Amino acid sequence: MAASLTPEMREQLRRHIDTWRAAGPALEEIRLRELRALDTCEAVRQIFGSFLPPANPGRNATSGLVEQQALFARLRP
């Protein structure tokens, strides 16, 4: 494919790569800032809505992995 590129196409491709190379660090910083500001409880509520079972305060404290996997299993088609 590289042999079929015209000089103009090569220059456009080089500018495109340079643009993304320059934008990459700024975009990564935005991504990290958004992840740090994420409200996990709100995100879970938005994903599962009223699909979540009611909280049971009498249960032993666990990582929640088993419960999470059960929820994901219910979402599978």
N, C-alpha and C. Protein backbone atom coordinates (compact mmCIF):
# COMPACT_ATOMS: atom_id res chain seq x y z
N MET A 1 0.82 -1.19 0.00
CA MET A 1 0.00 0.00 0.00
C MET A 1 0.86 1.25 0.00
N ALA A 2 1.97 1.23 0.74
CA ALA A 2 2.82 2.41 0.83
C ALA A 2 3.33 2.84 -0.53
N ALA A 3 3.53 1.88 -1.44
CA ALA A 3 4.03 2.22 -2.77
C ALA A 3 2.97 2.96 -3.58
N SER A 4 1.69 2.80 -3.24
CA SER A 4 0.63 3.43 -4.02
C SER A 4 0.29 4.84 -3.53
N LEU A 5 0.95 5.32 -2.48
CA LEU A 5 0.67 6.66 -1.96
C LEU A 5 1.39 7.71 -2.79
N THR A 6 0.66 8.76 -3.11
CA THR A 6 1.27 9.88 -3.82
C THR A 6 2.05 10.72 -2.81
N PRO A 7 2.95 11.57 -3.28
CA PRO A 7 3.67 12.45 -2.34
C PRO A 7 2.71 13.32 -1.52
N GLU A 8 1.62 13.76 -2.12
CA GLU A 8 0.64 14.57 -1.39
C GLU A 8 -0.04 13.75 -0.29
N MET A 9 -0.34 12.50 -0.63
CA MET A 9 -0.97 11.62 0.36
C MET A 9 0.00 11.32 1.50
N ARG A 10 1.26 11.12 1.19
CA ARG A 10 2.26 10.87 2.23
C ARG A 10 2.39 12.07 3.17
N GLU A 11 2.38 13.27 2.59
CA GLU A 11 2.48 14.48 3.40
C GLU A 11 1.25 14.63 4.29
N GLN A 12 0.08 14.36 3.73
CA GLN A 12 -1.14 14.45 4.52
C GLN A 12 -1.12 13.43 5.66
N LEU A 13 -0.67 12.23 5.37
CA LEU A 13 -0.56 11.19 6.39
C LEU A 13 0.43 11.58 7.47
N ARG A 14 1.57 12.15 7.08
CA ARG A 14 2.57 12.59 8.05
C ARG A 14 2.01 13.68 8.95
N ARG A 15 1.27 14.65 8.37
CA ARG A 15 0.66 15.72 9.18
C ARG A 15 -0.39 15.15 10.13
N HIS A 16 -1.15 14.18 9.66
CA HIS A 16 -2.16 13.53 10.50
C HIS A 16 -1.50 12.84 11.70
N ILE A 17 -0.44 12.11 11.43
CA ILE A 17 0.29 11.41 12.51
C ILE A 17 0.89 12.42 13.48
N ASP A 18 1.49 13.49 12.96
CA ASP A 18 2.07 14.52 13.82
C ASP A 18 1.02 15.18 14.70
N THR A 19 -0.16 15.41 14.13
CA THR A 19 -1.25 16.03 14.89
C THR A 19 -1.65 15.14 16.07
N TRP A 20 -1.85 13.85 15.81
CA TRP A 20 -2.24 12.93 16.88
C TRP A 20 -1.12 12.74 17.89
N ARG A 21 0.12 12.74 17.42
CA ARG A 21 1.26 12.61 18.34
C ARG A 21 1.30 13.81 19.29
N ALA A 22 1.01 14.99 18.77
CA ALA A 22 1.01 16.20 19.60
C ALA A 22 -0.20 16.23 20.54
N ALA A 23 -1.34 15.74 20.06
CA ALA A 23 -2.56 15.80 20.87
C ALA A 23 -2.63 14.70 21.91
N GLY A 24 -1.89 13.62 21.71
CA GLY A 24 -1.97 12.46 22.60
C GLY A 24 -1.82 12.77 24.08
N PRO A 25 -0.75 13.47 24.48
CA PRO A 25 -0.58 13.75 25.92
C PRO A 25 -1.73 14.58 26.50
N ALA A 26 -2.22 15.56 25.76
CA ALA A 26 -3.33 16.37 26.26
C ALA A 26 -4.60 15.54 26.39
N LEU A 27 -4.86 14.68 25.42
CA LEU A 27 -6.03 13.82 25.50
C LEU A 27 -5.92 12.82 26.65
N GLU A 28 -4.73 12.31 26.88
CA GLU A 28 -4.53 11.39 28.00
C GLU A 28 -4.77 12.09 29.33
N GLU A 29 -4.32 13.34 29.44
CA GLU A 29 -4.55 14.11 30.67
C GLU A 29 -6.05 14.33 30.89
N ILE A 30 -6.78 14.64 29.84
CA ILE A 30 -8.24 14.81 29.95
C ILE A 30 -8.88 13.50 30.41
N ARG A 31 -8.46 12.39 29.80
CA ARG A 31 -9.02 11.09 30.16
C ARG A 31 -8.78 10.78 31.64
N LEU A 32 -7.55 11.01 32.10
CA LEU A 32 -7.23 10.74 33.50
C LEU A 32 -8.00 11.65 34.44
N ARG A 33 -8.13 12.93 34.08
CA ARG A 33 -8.88 13.87 34.92
C ARG A 33 -10.34 13.44 35.01
N GLU A 34 -10.92 13.00 33.90
CA GLU A 34 -12.32 12.55 33.93
C GLU A 34 -12.47 11.27 34.75
N LEU A 35 -11.51 10.36 34.66
CA LEU A 35 -11.58 9.13 35.46
C LEU A 35 -11.48 9.43 36.95
N ARG A 36 -10.61 10.37 37.30
CA ARG A 36 -10.46 10.73 38.72
C ARG A 36 -11.72 11.37 39.28
N ALA A 37 -12.44 12.11 38.43
CA ALA A 37 -13.64 12.82 38.87
C ALA A 37 -14.89 11.94 38.81
N LEU A 38 -14.76 10.73 38.30
CA LEU A 38 -15.91 9.85 38.12
C LEU A 38 -16.53 9.46 39.46
N ASP A 39 -17.83 9.57 39.53
CA ASP A 39 -18.58 9.13 40.70
C ASP A 39 -19.01 7.69 40.43
N THR A 40 -18.32 6.74 41.04
CA THR A 40 -18.56 5.33 40.76
C THR A 40 -19.99 4.92 41.06
N CYS A 41 -20.53 5.37 42.16
CA CYS A 41 -21.91 5.00 42.52
C CYS A 41 -22.89 5.52 41.47
N GLU A 42 -22.68 6.74 41.01
CA GLU A 42 -23.56 7.30 39.99
C GLU A 42 -23.40 6.54 38.67
N ALA A 43 -22.19 6.17 38.32
CA ALA A 43 -21.96 5.42 37.08
C ALA A 43 -22.66 4.07 37.14
N VAL A 44 -22.57 3.38 38.26
CA VAL A 44 -23.24 2.08 38.41
C VAL A 44 -24.75 2.27 38.31
N ARG A 45 -25.27 3.32 38.94
CA ARG A 45 -26.71 3.59 38.86
C ARG A 45 -27.13 3.85 37.42
N GLN A 46 -26.32 4.59 36.66
CA GLN A 46 -26.66 4.87 35.27
C GLN A 46 -26.60 3.61 34.41
N ILE A 47 -25.66 2.74 34.70
CA ILE A 47 -25.53 1.51 33.92
C ILE A 47 -26.67 0.54 34.23
N PHE A 48 -26.93 0.32 35.50
CA PHE A 48 -27.87 -0.72 35.89
C PHE A 48 -29.26 -0.19 36.25
N GLY A 49 -29.37 1.10 36.55
CA GLY A 49 -30.66 1.69 36.89
C GLY A 49 -31.31 0.95 38.03
N SER A 50 -32.59 0.67 37.88
CA SER A 50 -33.33 -0.04 38.93
C SER A 50 -33.10 -1.54 38.86
N PHE A 51 -32.20 -1.96 38.00
CA PHE A 51 -31.89 -3.37 37.83
C PHE A 51 -31.13 -3.92 39.03
N LEU A 52 -30.51 -3.03 39.80
CA LEU A 52 -29.74 -3.47 40.97
C LEU A 52 -30.66 -4.01 42.05
N PRO A 53 -30.25 -5.07 42.69
CA PRO A 53 -31.05 -5.56 43.82
C PRO A 53 -30.90 -4.60 44.99
N PRO A 54 -31.87 -4.58 45.87
CA PRO A 54 -31.76 -3.69 47.03
C PRO A 54 -30.58 -4.08 47.90
N ALA A 55 -29.98 -3.09 48.52
CA ALA A 55 -28.82 -3.34 49.39
C ALA A 55 -29.28 -4.14 50.61
N ASN A 56 -28.42 -5.03 51.04
CA ASN A 56 -28.71 -5.85 52.21
C ASN A 56 -27.61 -5.59 53.24
N PRO A 57 -27.84 -4.70 54.20
CA PRO A 57 -26.78 -4.36 55.15
C PRO A 57 -26.36 -5.50 56.05
N GLY A 58 -27.13 -6.59 56.11
CA GLY A 58 -26.79 -7.71 56.98
C GLY A 58 -25.75 -8.64 56.38
N ARG A 59 -25.40 -8.45 55.12
CA ARG A 59 -24.44 -9.34 54.47
C ARG A 59 -23.02 -9.02 54.91
N ASN A 60 -22.18 -10.04 54.81
CA ASN A 60 -20.76 -9.81 55.11
C ASN A 60 -20.15 -8.91 54.06
N ALA A 61 -19.21 -8.10 54.47
CA ALA A 61 -18.52 -7.21 53.54
C ALA A 61 -17.59 -8.04 52.66
N THR A 62 -17.78 -7.93 51.36
CA THR A 62 -16.92 -8.63 50.40
C THR A 62 -16.48 -7.62 49.35
N SER A 63 -15.70 -8.10 48.40
CA SER A 63 -15.26 -7.21 47.33
C SER A 63 -16.40 -6.88 46.39
N GLY A 64 -17.46 -7.67 46.39
CA GLY A 64 -18.59 -7.44 45.50
C GLY A 64 -18.42 -8.08 44.14
N LEU A 65 -17.33 -8.80 43.93
CA LEU A 65 -17.06 -9.39 42.63
C LEU A 65 -18.14 -10.40 42.23
N VAL A 66 -18.56 -11.22 43.18
CA VAL A 66 -19.58 -12.22 42.87
C VAL A 66 -20.88 -11.53 42.47
N GLU A 67 -21.26 -10.50 43.21
CA GLU A 67 -22.48 -9.77 42.89
C GLU A 67 -22.37 -9.08 41.53
N GLN A 68 -21.21 -8.51 41.26
CA GLN A 68 -20.99 -7.84 39.98
C GLN A 68 -21.13 -8.83 38.82
N GLN A 69 -20.52 -9.99 38.96
CA GLN A 69 -20.60 -10.98 37.91
C GLN A 69 -22.04 -11.47 37.71
N ALA A 70 -22.80 -11.57 38.79
CA ALA A 70 -24.21 -11.97 38.68
C ALA A 70 -24.99 -10.93 37.90
N LEU A 71 -24.71 -9.65 38.15
CA LEU A 71 -25.39 -8.59 37.41
C LEU A 71 -25.02 -8.64 35.93
N PHE A 72 -23.74 -8.81 35.64
CA PHE A 72 -23.31 -8.90 34.25
C PHE A 72 -23.95 -10.10 33.55
N ALA A 73 -24.10 -11.20 34.27
CA ALA A 73 -24.71 -12.39 33.68
C ALA A 73 -26.16 -12.11 33.31
N ARG A 74 -26.86 -11.33 34.11
CA ARG A 74 -28.26 -11.00 33.80
C ARG A 74 -28.36 -10.07 32.58
N LEU A 75 -27.32 -9.30 32.32
CA LEU A 75 -27.35 -8.37 31.19
C LEU A 75 -27.02 -9.05 29.87
N ARG A 76 -26.38 -10.22 29.94
CA ARG A 76 -26.02 -10.94 28.71
C ARG A 76 -27.28 -11.34 27.95
N PRO A 77 -27.23 -11.23 26.62
CA PRO A 77 -28.40 -11.65 25.84
C PRO A 77 -28.61 -13.15 25.87
